[in-house]
Structures are given as structure tokens and as C-alpha cells.
Amino acid sequence: MKQSRTVPGRAVAYRVSGNPYGPTLVFSNSLGAVQDSWRPQVEELGSRYRCVTYDHRGHGGSTGAPRPFTVADLVEDARSVIETAGGGPVAFCGVSLGGLVGVLLAAAHPSLVGSLTVINAPTHQENPAFWRARAEAVRAGGMAVAADGVDRRWFGEPFRRASGAVVADCVDQLRALDPEGYAAACEALADADARDVAPRVTCPTTVVVGTADGAVPTAHSHAYARLIPGAHLVELPGTGHMAAMEQADRVCTLIDRSTAGTEV
């Protein structure tokens, strides 16, 4: 049974589901996505794991969280979710912004993160001005600005053809976000940089990269694999940015193996 909750004092919404006696697995979303994007993983892994999903500030059920904010605030939100939901160490899995948060969290709070799966995450922003301009454009034009072309950035062409309803649902969820909350997240992302702290990550780490990612250059995942000691790199050929949806079964297997400490 899912239990929807809010972190006291932070207005960050999270859910707990799955096996209440299993190890805790925390999922962290991409920019523009909500916690329902992890449904395939929660359904597949919930029999073995206690699954915790949550919404970043400005997204989904966390639109009431304070803003403006920084990625450091998002890291503290993740810490608070973990501690409020029962404490660590947890297995942490994040896509894009969520993966960046995971790296920073594991470096700053190593006792909370027992294993880490990082999917299509940026190490930094090569053009911070782009994200500031995007924030202003969304404030002026609404979420239609963010949704324009996002299907091609998020998903590989074969998946777009085969699973159009799933793609449309993701785009609709993006369109439904609060423009100001999304804009604030863009501004936070503009200044984020994990390159100096990634070498401090000590937990077992799997870095997953979709070779057809249209949102984050694949070089960032390769950089994480070099920077994080002992990290394993797994490439998903032809897969786009939202790899956890596009290759749900494969990502579940990778998370399971990473959490168990099994070679991927």
C-alpha cells in the first residue's frame, strides 16, 4: 500500500510503498518529471524493496516548498526524505537532476547512501545562461515552452513510435507543472557542478547512459564513471534520456544488481 507524506518543514512530498521489511530504495526524478515516472521500477522491485519516491521542489506535490532554491537545497531535501522515511543507508537511484542530487548526497552524507545508480545525469552545466534564459521563457510563456520538443529530447525514436501513449503522458505531466516552480529548478540547475565532489563518493556506483540521450550529452556519464572511484559504466544503445521508462526491465535489473553489490 502506498503512503503519501510530506517532509515536515520542507513541504516535499514523498511516498512509501512496497515491502515494508525490505531494504530501502529511494528514487529521484529528472527535471520536469514527477514521482509517478518510477512506476515501472516500483511495481517490479516493490516485492523485494521498500520503495520511496518523492517530488523535487517545484514539481508535483512539492510545489509549496520554499523558493528560490539551489541544488544544495535539493540535496538536503533528499537527506530529509531519507531520514523522515526511516533513515539510511539506502539504495539511491536518480535520473538526470535526480542522479546529480544522488552524487552530491552520497559525497556529503556517505552514511545515508549504501549504493548509487546514476542515470543520464549531468556533471555540470556547460551553458548556465541557457538554463537562466529557459527559466525566464517559461515564466513568460508557460510550460508549453518547456514541453516543445521534449519528446525527442527525452525518448529514443523507436520508443516514441512503439509507446506513443507513454510518451504523451510524460509530456502531459510536464505541461501540468507549476511554471514558477519549474523555472526555479532551471535556475538551480544552472549553477550545479558535481565534478569536484564526485571523487568523494565511496559507495558502490553504477552509471547508466542512454546512447540516444537528447537532453544530457553522454560525455557527462562517462565523466562520472571516471570520477567516482570504482564506478561501473553501462551503456544502453539507442535509449533516450528517460531510460528508466524506456528500458524499464533493464534498469530494474541494474538497480537490483547494484543494490546487491553484484557485478553489472
C-alpha atoms as a PDB file:
ATOM      1  CA  MET A   1       0.000   0.000   0.000  1.00  0.00           C
ATOM      2  CA  LYS A   2       1.275   3.469  -0.897  1.00  0.00           C
ATOM      3  CA  GLN A   3       1.542   6.036   1.864  1.00  0.00           C
ATOM      4  CA  SER A   4       1.749   9.683   0.734  1.00  0.00           C
ATOM      5  CA  ARG A   5       3.507  12.018   3.135  1.00  0.00           C
ATOM      6  CA  THR A   6       5.209  15.401   3.362  1.00  0.00           C
ATOM      7  CA  VAL A   7       8.568  16.137   4.996  1.00  0.00           C
ATOM      8  CA  PRO A   8       7.842  18.413   7.991  1.00  0.00           C
ATOM      9  CA  GLY A   9       9.107  21.946   7.480  1.00  0.00           C
ATOM     10  CA  ARG A  10      10.168  21.384   3.853  1.00  0.00           C
ATOM     11  CA  ALA A  11       6.841  20.762   2.034  1.00  0.00           C
ATOM     12  CA  VAL A  12       8.469  17.993  -0.013  1.00  0.00           C
ATOM     13  CA  ALA A  13       6.019  15.237  -0.935  1.00  0.00           C
ATOM     14  CA  TYR A  14       7.084  11.598  -0.858  1.00  0.00           C
ATOM     15  CA  ARG A  15       5.534   8.133  -0.944  1.00  0.00           C
ATOM     16  CA  VAL A  16       6.485   4.860   0.689  1.00  0.00           C
ATOM     17  CA  SER A  17       5.367   1.583  -0.887  1.00  0.00           C
ATOM     18  CA  GLY A  18       6.497  -1.962  -1.467  1.00  0.00           C
ATOM     19  CA  ASN A  19       7.886  -4.455   1.023  1.00  0.00           C
ATOM     20  CA  PRO A  20       7.965  -2.781   4.454  1.00  0.00           C
ATOM     21  CA  TYR A  21      10.646  -5.236   5.614  1.00  0.00           C
ATOM     22  CA  GLY A  22      12.917  -4.947   2.595  1.00  0.00           C
ATOM     23  CA  PRO A  23      15.937  -2.670   2.110  1.00  0.00           C
ATOM     24  CA  THR A  24      15.009   0.908   1.261  1.00  0.00           C
ATOM     25  CA  LEU A  25      15.314   2.069  -2.340  1.00  0.00           C
ATOM     26  CA  VAL A  26      14.946   5.821  -2.997  1.00  0.00           C
ATOM     27  CA  PHE A  27      14.119   7.169  -6.456  1.00  0.00           C
ATOM     28  CA  SER A  28      14.884  10.748  -7.539  1.00  0.00           C
ATOM     29  CA  ASN A  29      13.327  12.312 -10.651  1.00  0.00           C
ATOM     30  CA  SER A  30      14.546  14.172 -13.685  1.00  0.00           C
ATOM     31  CA  LEU A  31      13.857  17.862 -14.093  1.00  0.00           C
ATOM     32  CA  GLY A  32      10.289  18.138 -15.377  1.00  0.00           C
ATOM     33  CA  ALA A  33       9.213  14.692 -14.148  1.00  0.00           C
ATOM     34  CA  VAL A  34       7.191  13.603 -11.130  1.00  0.00           C
ATOM     35  CA  GLN A  35       7.481  10.600  -8.863  1.00  0.00           C
ATOM     36  CA  ASP A  36       4.985   8.571 -10.921  1.00  0.00           C
ATOM     37  CA  SER A  37       7.735   8.264 -13.550  1.00  0.00           C
ATOM     38  CA  TRP A  38       9.203   5.480 -11.382  1.00  0.00           C
ATOM     39  CA  ARG A  39       6.044   3.349 -11.527  1.00  0.00           C
ATOM     40  CA  PRO A  40       7.681   0.523 -13.565  1.00  0.00           C
ATOM     41  CA  GLN A  41      10.517   0.209 -11.031  1.00  0.00           C
ATOM     42  CA  VAL A  42       8.210   0.401  -8.005  1.00  0.00           C
ATOM     43  CA  GLU A  43       5.928  -2.269  -9.465  1.00  0.00           C
ATOM     44  CA  GLU A  44       8.813  -4.576 -10.373  1.00  0.00           C
ATOM     45  CA  LEU A  45      11.028  -4.105  -7.312  1.00  0.00           C
ATOM     46  CA  GLY A  46       8.368  -3.439  -4.672  1.00  0.00           C
ATOM     47  CA  SER A  47       8.067  -7.087  -3.683  1.00  0.00           C
ATOM     48  CA  ARG A  48      11.700  -7.061  -2.508  1.00  0.00           C
ATOM     49  CA  TYR A  49      12.326  -3.438  -1.588  1.00  0.00           C
ATOM     50  CA  ARG A  50      10.748  -0.698   0.459  1.00  0.00           C
ATOM     51  CA  CYS A  51      10.387   1.935  -2.274  1.00  0.00           C
ATOM     52  CA  VAL A  52      10.480   5.671  -1.575  1.00  0.00           C
ATOM     53  CA  THR A  53       9.645   8.138  -4.349  1.00  0.00           C
ATOM     54  CA  TYR A  54       9.469  11.922  -3.973  1.00  0.00           C
ATOM     55  CA  ASP A  55       8.976  15.132  -5.936  1.00  0.00           C
ATOM     56  CA  HIS A  56      11.664  17.770  -6.254  1.00  0.00           C
ATOM     57  CA  ARG A  57      10.752  21.288  -5.193  1.00  0.00           C
ATOM     58  CA  GLY A  58       8.573  22.965  -7.782  1.00  0.00           C
ATOM     59  CA  HIS A  59       7.337  19.599  -9.080  1.00  0.00           C
ATOM     60  CA  GLY A  60       4.214  17.527  -8.456  1.00  0.00           C
ATOM     61  CA  GLY A  61       3.225  17.516  -4.795  1.00  0.00           C
ATOM     62  CA  SER A  62       6.184  19.684  -3.742  1.00  0.00           C
ATOM     63  CA  THR A  63       5.063  22.968  -5.312  1.00  0.00           C
ATOM     64  CA  GLY A  64       4.600  24.512  -1.855  1.00  0.00           C
ATOM     65  CA  ALA A  65       8.287  24.117  -0.953  1.00  0.00           C
ATOM     66  CA  PRO A  66      10.254  27.369  -0.431  1.00  0.00           C
ATOM     67  CA  ARG A  67      11.882  29.037  -3.431  1.00  0.00           C
ATOM     68  CA  PRO A  68      14.148  30.249  -4.888  1.00  0.00           C
ATOM     69  CA  PHE A  69      16.420  27.317  -4.125  1.00  0.00           C
ATOM     70  CA  THR A  70      19.706  25.718  -5.103  1.00  0.00           C
ATOM     71  CA  VAL A  71      20.718  22.162  -5.930  1.00  0.00           C
ATOM     72  CA  ALA A  72      22.244  22.085  -2.440  1.00  0.00           C
ATOM     73  CA  ASP A  73      18.697  22.598  -1.136  1.00  0.00           C
ATOM     74  CA  LEU A  74      17.532  19.665  -3.257  1.00  0.00           C
ATOM     75  CA  VAL A  75      20.280  17.535  -1.734  1.00  0.00           C
ATOM     76  CA  GLU A  76      19.086  18.491   1.747  1.00  0.00           C
ATOM     77  CA  ASP A  77      15.526  17.673   0.682  1.00  0.00           C
ATOM     78  CA  ALA A  78      16.710  14.190  -0.302  1.00  0.00           C
ATOM     79  CA  ARG A  79      18.505  13.835   3.032  1.00  0.00           C
ATOM     80  CA  SER A  80      15.355  14.882   4.866  1.00  0.00           C
ATOM     81  CA  VAL A  81      13.213  12.431   2.896  1.00  0.00           C
ATOM     82  CA  ILE A  82      15.574   9.577   3.779  1.00  0.00           C
ATOM     83  CA  GLU A  83      15.741  10.482   7.442  1.00  0.00           C
ATOM     84  CA  THR A  84      11.998  11.088   7.734  1.00  0.00           C
ATOM     85  CA  ALA A  85      11.212   7.836   5.920  1.00  0.00           C
ATOM     86  CA  GLY A  86      13.309   5.781   8.317  1.00  0.00           C
ATOM     87  CA  GLY A  87      16.967   6.626   7.800  1.00  0.00           C
ATOM     88  CA  GLY A  88      19.842   5.142   5.857  1.00  0.00           C
ATOM     89  CA  PRO A  89      21.772   3.628   4.395  1.00  0.00           C
ATOM     90  CA  VAL A  90      19.530   3.396   1.327  1.00  0.00           C
ATOM     91  CA  ALA A  91      19.998   2.393  -2.270  1.00  0.00           C
ATOM     92  CA  PHE A  92      19.611   5.641  -4.229  1.00  0.00           C
ATOM     93  CA  CYS A  93      18.668   5.821  -7.899  1.00  0.00           C
ATOM     94  CA  GLY A  94      18.347   9.073  -9.824  1.00  0.00           C
ATOM     95  CA  VAL A  95      17.756  10.155 -13.407  1.00  0.00           C
ATOM     96  CA  SER A  96      19.261  13.421 -14.704  1.00  0.00           C
ATOM     97  CA  LEU A  97      18.752  16.050 -11.982  1.00  0.00           C
ATOM     98  CA  GLY A  98      17.951  13.189  -9.594  1.00  0.00           C
ATOM     99  CA  GLY A  99      21.238  11.492 -10.441  1.00  0.00           C
ATOM    100  CA  LEU A 100      23.136  14.723  -9.841  1.00  0.00           C
ATOM    101  CA  VAL A 101      21.403  15.031  -6.464  1.00  0.00           C
ATOM    102  CA  GLY A 102      22.377  11.436  -5.704  1.00  0.00           C
ATOM    103  CA  VAL A 103      26.067  12.057  -6.389  1.00  0.00           C
ATOM    104  CA  LEU A 104      26.117  15.181  -4.235  1.00  0.00           C
ATOM    105  CA  LEU A 105      24.163  13.413  -1.475  1.00  0.00           C
ATOM    106  CA  ALA A 106      26.469  10.383  -1.436  1.00  0.00           C
ATOM    107  CA  ALA A 107      29.506  12.672  -1.250  1.00  0.00           C
ATOM    108  CA  ALA A 108      28.098  14.865   1.539  1.00  0.00           C
ATOM    109  CA  HIS A 109      26.275  12.183   3.579  1.00  0.00           C
ATOM    110  CA  PRO A 110      28.018   8.862   2.920  1.00  0.00           C
ATOM    111  CA  SER A 111      26.296   7.144   5.849  1.00  0.00           C
ATOM    112  CA  LEU A 112      22.919   7.633   4.140  1.00  0.00           C
ATOM    113  CA  VAL A 113      23.750   6.088   0.746  1.00  0.00           C
ATOM    114  CA  GLY A 114      24.727   2.425   0.581  1.00  0.00           C
ATOM    115  CA  SER A 115      24.677   2.176  -3.207  1.00  0.00           C
ATOM    116  CA  LEU A 116      24.076   4.589  -6.064  1.00  0.00           C
ATOM    117  CA  THR A 117      22.628   4.264  -9.565  1.00  0.00           C
ATOM    118  CA  VAL A 118      23.123   7.386 -11.715  1.00  0.00           C
ATOM    119  CA  ILE A 119      21.195   7.540 -14.997  1.00  0.00           C
ATOM    120  CA  ASN A 120      21.877  10.156 -17.709  1.00  0.00           C
ATOM    121  CA  ALA A 121      22.938  12.781 -15.184  1.00  0.00           C
ATOM    122  CA  PRO A 122      24.876  15.995 -15.830  1.00  0.00           C
ATOM    123  CA  THR A 123      28.145  16.601 -14.015  1.00  0.00           C
ATOM    124  CA  HIS A 124      27.659  20.344 -14.557  1.00  0.00           C
ATOM    125  CA  GLN A 125      26.032  22.754 -16.995  1.00  0.00           C
ATOM    126  CA  GLU A 126      28.175  23.679 -19.963  1.00  0.00           C
ATOM    127  CA  ASN A 127      25.962  26.701 -20.704  1.00  0.00           C
ATOM    128  CA  PRO A 128      24.397  28.051 -17.492  1.00  0.00           C
ATOM    129  CA  ALA A 129      22.958  31.035 -19.386  1.00  0.00           C
ATOM    130  CA  PHE A 130      20.754  28.635 -21.357  1.00  0.00           C
ATOM    131  CA  TRP A 131      19.010  27.474 -18.186  1.00  0.00           C
ATOM    132  CA  ARG A 132      18.521  31.008 -16.879  1.00  0.00           C
ATOM    133  CA  ALA A 133      17.037  32.033 -20.223  1.00  0.00           C
ATOM    134  CA  ARG A 134      14.823  28.948 -20.190  1.00  0.00           C
ATOM    135  CA  ALA A 135      13.536  29.900 -16.761  1.00  0.00           C
ATOM    136  CA  GLU A 136      12.581  33.356 -17.987  1.00  0.00           C
ATOM    137  CA  ALA A 137      10.971  31.934 -21.129  1.00  0.00           C
ATOM    138  CA  VAL A 138       8.817  29.574 -19.045  1.00  0.00           C
ATOM    139  CA  ARG A 139       7.789  32.404 -16.752  1.00  0.00           C
ATOM    140  CA  ALA A 140       6.712  34.405 -19.799  1.00  0.00           C
ATOM    141  CA  GLY A 141       5.193  31.644 -21.919  1.00  0.00           C
ATOM    142  CA  GLY A 142       4.175  28.899 -19.504  1.00  0.00           C
ATOM    143  CA  MET A 143       5.010  25.202 -19.563  1.00  0.00           C
ATOM    144  CA  ALA A 144       4.281  24.930 -23.281  1.00  0.00           C
ATOM    145  CA  VAL A 145       7.778  26.391 -23.755  1.00  0.00           C
ATOM    146  CA  ALA A 146       9.353  23.539 -21.789  1.00  0.00           C
ATOM    147  CA  ALA A 147       7.170  20.898 -23.461  1.00  0.00           C
ATOM    148  CA  ASP A 148       8.066  21.925 -27.016  1.00  0.00           C
ATOM    149  CA  GLY A 149      10.189  19.130 -28.494  1.00  0.00           C
ATOM    150  CA  VAL A 150      10.682  17.377 -25.159  1.00  0.00           C
ATOM    151  CA  ASP A 151       9.513  14.039 -26.575  1.00  0.00           C
ATOM    152  CA  ARG A 152      12.565  13.979 -28.862  1.00  0.00           C
ATOM    153  CA  ARG A 153      14.921  15.048 -26.088  1.00  0.00           C
ATOM    154  CA  TRP A 154      13.597  12.509 -23.591  1.00  0.00           C
ATOM    155  CA  PHE A 155      12.957   9.393 -25.683  1.00  0.00           C
ATOM    156  CA  GLY A 156      14.693   7.493 -28.466  1.00  0.00           C
ATOM    157  CA  GLU A 157      12.889   7.269 -31.800  1.00  0.00           C
ATOM    158  CA  PRO A 158      11.971   3.532 -31.583  1.00  0.00           C
ATOM    159  CA  PHE A 159      10.317   4.051 -28.190  1.00  0.00           C
ATOM    160  CA  ARG A 160       8.437   7.114 -29.425  1.00  0.00           C
ATOM    161  CA  ARG A 161       6.994   5.037 -32.255  1.00  0.00           C
ATOM    162  CA  ALA A 162       6.170   1.994 -30.156  1.00  0.00           C
ATOM    163  CA  SER A 163       4.964   3.670 -26.947  1.00  0.00           C
ATOM    164  CA  GLY A 164       3.320   6.912 -28.009  1.00  0.00           C
ATOM    165  CA  ALA A 165       0.795   6.849 -25.158  1.00  0.00           C
ATOM    166  CA  VAL A 166       3.564   6.641 -22.540  1.00  0.00           C
ATOM    167  CA  VAL A 167       5.445   9.499 -24.196  1.00  0.00           C
ATOM    168  CA  ALA A 168       2.283  11.633 -24.390  1.00  0.00           C
ATOM    169  CA  ASP A 169       1.557  11.005 -20.710  1.00  0.00           C
ATOM    170  CA  CYS A 170       5.044  12.191 -19.729  1.00  0.00           C
ATOM    171  CA  VAL A 171       4.664  15.326 -21.825  1.00  0.00           C
ATOM    172  CA  ASP A 172       1.256  15.982 -20.247  1.00  0.00           C
ATOM    173  CA  GLN A 173       2.756  15.649 -16.763  1.00  0.00           C
ATOM    174  CA  LEU A 174       5.411  18.180 -17.717  1.00  0.00           C
ATOM    175  CA  ARG A 175       2.792  20.586 -19.072  1.00  0.00           C
ATOM    176  CA  ALA A 176       0.863  20.314 -15.781  1.00  0.00           C
ATOM    177  CA  LEU A 177       3.782  21.530 -13.652  1.00  0.00           C
ATOM    178  CA  ASP A 178       3.776  24.928 -11.985  1.00  0.00           C
ATOM    179  CA  PRO A 179       5.758  27.257 -14.314  1.00  0.00           C
ATOM    180  CA  GLU A 180       7.365  29.193 -11.468  1.00  0.00           C
ATOM    181  CA  GLY A 181       8.442  26.008  -9.701  1.00  0.00           C
ATOM    182  CA  TYR A 182       9.938  24.601 -12.900  1.00  0.00           C
ATOM    183  CA  ALA A 183      11.691  27.903 -13.631  1.00  0.00           C
ATOM    184  CA  ALA A 184      13.205  27.942 -10.148  1.00  0.00           C
ATOM    185  CA  ALA A 185      14.518  24.409 -10.721  1.00  0.00           C
ATOM    186  CA  CYS A 186      16.102  25.513 -14.019  1.00  0.00           C
ATOM    187  CA  GLU A 187      17.896  28.340 -12.214  1.00  0.00           C
ATOM    188  CA  ALA A 188      19.111  25.941  -9.524  1.00  0.00           C
ATOM    189  CA  LEU A 189      20.408  23.531 -12.153  1.00  0.00           C
ATOM    190  CA  ALA A 190      22.291  26.313 -13.958  1.00  0.00           C
ATOM    191  CA  ASP A 191      24.804  26.645 -11.122  1.00  0.00           C
ATOM    192  CA  ALA A 192      25.169  22.959 -10.225  1.00  0.00           C
ATOM    193  CA  ASP A 193      28.576  21.259 -10.529  1.00  0.00           C
ATOM    194  CA  ALA A 194      29.469  17.833  -9.121  1.00  0.00           C
ATOM    195  CA  ARG A 195      32.902  17.403 -10.702  1.00  0.00           C
ATOM    196  CA  ASP A 196      34.908  18.329  -7.613  1.00  0.00           C
ATOM    197  CA  VAL A 197      32.866  16.227  -5.190  1.00  0.00           C
ATOM    198  CA  ALA A 198      32.225  13.110  -7.303  1.00  0.00           C
ATOM    199  CA  PRO A 199      35.604  11.565  -6.320  1.00  0.00           C
ATOM    200  CA  ARG A 200      34.421  11.605  -2.677  1.00  0.00           C
ATOM    201  CA  VAL A 201      31.662   9.082  -3.401  1.00  0.00           C
ATOM    202  CA  THR A 202      32.635   5.848  -1.659  1.00  0.00           C
ATOM    203  CA  CYS A 203      29.589   3.609  -2.139  1.00  0.00           C
ATOM    204  CA  PRO A 204      29.207   1.100  -4.992  1.00  0.00           C
ATOM    205  CA  THR A 205      28.052   3.095  -8.017  1.00  0.00           C
ATOM    206  CA  THR A 206      26.568   2.177 -11.372  1.00  0.00           C
ATOM    207  CA  VAL A 207      26.459   4.865 -14.056  1.00  0.00           C
ATOM    208  CA  VAL A 208      23.876   4.229 -16.774  1.00  0.00           C
ATOM    209  CA  VAL A 209      23.920   6.124 -20.062  1.00  0.00           C
ATOM    210  CA  GLY A 210      21.417   6.026 -22.907  1.00  0.00           C
ATOM    211  CA  THR A 211      23.372   6.496 -26.103  1.00  0.00           C
ATOM    212  CA  ALA A 212      20.464   8.404 -27.707  1.00  0.00           C
ATOM    213  CA  ASP A 213      20.009  10.849 -24.812  1.00  0.00           C
ATOM    214  CA  GLY A 214      18.896  14.146 -26.323  1.00  0.00           C
ATOM    215  CA  ALA A 215      18.980  16.138 -23.082  1.00  0.00           C
ATOM    216  CA  VAL A 216      22.341  15.426 -21.412  1.00  0.00           C
ATOM    217  CA  PRO A 217      25.467  14.750 -23.505  1.00  0.00           C
ATOM    218  CA  THR A 218      26.702  11.196 -22.961  1.00  0.00           C
ATOM    219  CA  ALA A 219      30.150  12.562 -22.096  1.00  0.00           C
ATOM    220  CA  HIS A 220      28.789  13.507 -18.672  1.00  0.00           C
ATOM    221  CA  SER A 221      28.029   9.885 -17.779  1.00  0.00           C
ATOM    222  CA  HIS A 222      31.476   8.837 -18.974  1.00  0.00           C
ATOM    223  CA  ALA A 223      32.956  11.571 -16.781  1.00  0.00           C
ATOM    224  CA  TYR A 224      31.090  10.234 -13.725  1.00  0.00           C
ATOM    225  CA  ALA A 225      32.418   6.759 -14.453  1.00  0.00           C
ATOM    226  CA  ARG A 226      35.955   8.167 -14.375  1.00  0.00           C
ATOM    227  CA  LEU A 227      35.477  10.473 -11.402  1.00  0.00           C
ATOM    228  CA  ILE A 228      33.677   8.132  -8.981  1.00  0.00           C
ATOM    229  CA  PRO A 229      36.081   5.522  -7.613  1.00  0.00           C
ATOM    230  CA  GLY A 230      35.189   2.017  -8.741  1.00  0.00           C
ATOM    231  CA  ALA A 231      32.087   3.109 -10.690  1.00  0.00           C
ATOM    232  CA  HIS A 232      30.723   0.771 -13.358  1.00  0.00           C
ATOM    233  CA  LEU A 233      29.506   2.250 -16.661  1.00  0.00           C
ATOM    234  CA  VAL A 234      26.609   0.593 -18.502  1.00  0.00           C
ATOM    235  CA  GLU A 235      25.559   1.807 -21.948  1.00  0.00           C
ATOM    236  CA  LEU A 236      22.001   1.333 -23.234  1.00  0.00           C
ATOM    237  CA  PRO A 237      22.222   1.567 -27.047  1.00  0.00           C
ATOM    238  CA  GLY A 238      19.555   3.656 -28.758  1.00  0.00           C
ATOM    239  CA  THR A 239      17.991   4.654 -25.445  1.00  0.00           C
ATOM    240  CA  GLY A 240      16.982   8.225 -24.639  1.00  0.00           C
ATOM    241  CA  HIS A 241      17.088  10.421 -21.561  1.00  0.00           C
ATOM    242  CA  MET A 242      14.229   8.781 -19.654  1.00  0.00           C
ATOM    243  CA  ALA A 243      15.960   5.431 -19.712  1.00  0.00           C
ATOM    244  CA  ALA A 244      14.170   4.156 -16.601  1.00  0.00           C
ATOM    245  CA  MET A 245      10.916   4.302 -18.556  1.00  0.00           C
ATOM    246  CA  GLU A 246      12.262   3.365 -21.958  1.00  0.00           C
ATOM    247  CA  GLN A 247      14.273   0.360 -20.723  1.00  0.00           C
ATOM    248  CA  ALA A 248      12.314  -0.335 -17.539  1.00  0.00           C
ATOM    249  CA  ASP A 249      13.187  -4.034 -17.191  1.00  0.00           C
ATOM    250  CA  ARG A 250      16.876  -3.488 -17.897  1.00  0.00           C
ATOM    251  CA  VAL A 251      17.089  -0.602 -15.443  1.00  0.00           C
ATOM    252  CA  CYS A 252      15.331  -2.681 -12.767  1.00  0.00           C
ATOM    253  CA  THR A 253      17.951  -5.391 -13.228  1.00  0.00           C
ATOM    254  CA  LEU A 254      20.776  -2.863 -12.984  1.00  0.00           C
ATOM    255  CA  ILE A 255      19.323  -1.314  -9.824  1.00  0.00           C
ATOM    256  CA  ASP A 256      18.845  -4.760  -8.289  1.00  0.00           C
ATOM    257  CA  ARG A 257      22.402  -5.823  -9.044  1.00  0.00           C
ATOM    258  CA  SER A 258      23.902  -2.515  -7.936  1.00  0.00           C
ATOM    259  CA  THR A 259      21.975  -2.643  -4.664  1.00  0.00           C
ATOM    260  CA  ALA A 260      23.089  -6.222  -4.044  1.00  0.00           C
ATOM    261  CA  GLY A 261      26.696  -5.365  -4.854  1.00  0.00           C
ATOM    262  CA  THR A 262      26.680  -7.733  -7.843  1.00  0.00           C
ATOM    263  CA  GLU A 263      28.904  -7.022 -10.848  1.00  0.00           C
ATOM    264  CA  VAL A 264      26.836  -5.283 -13.554  1.00  0.00           C
END
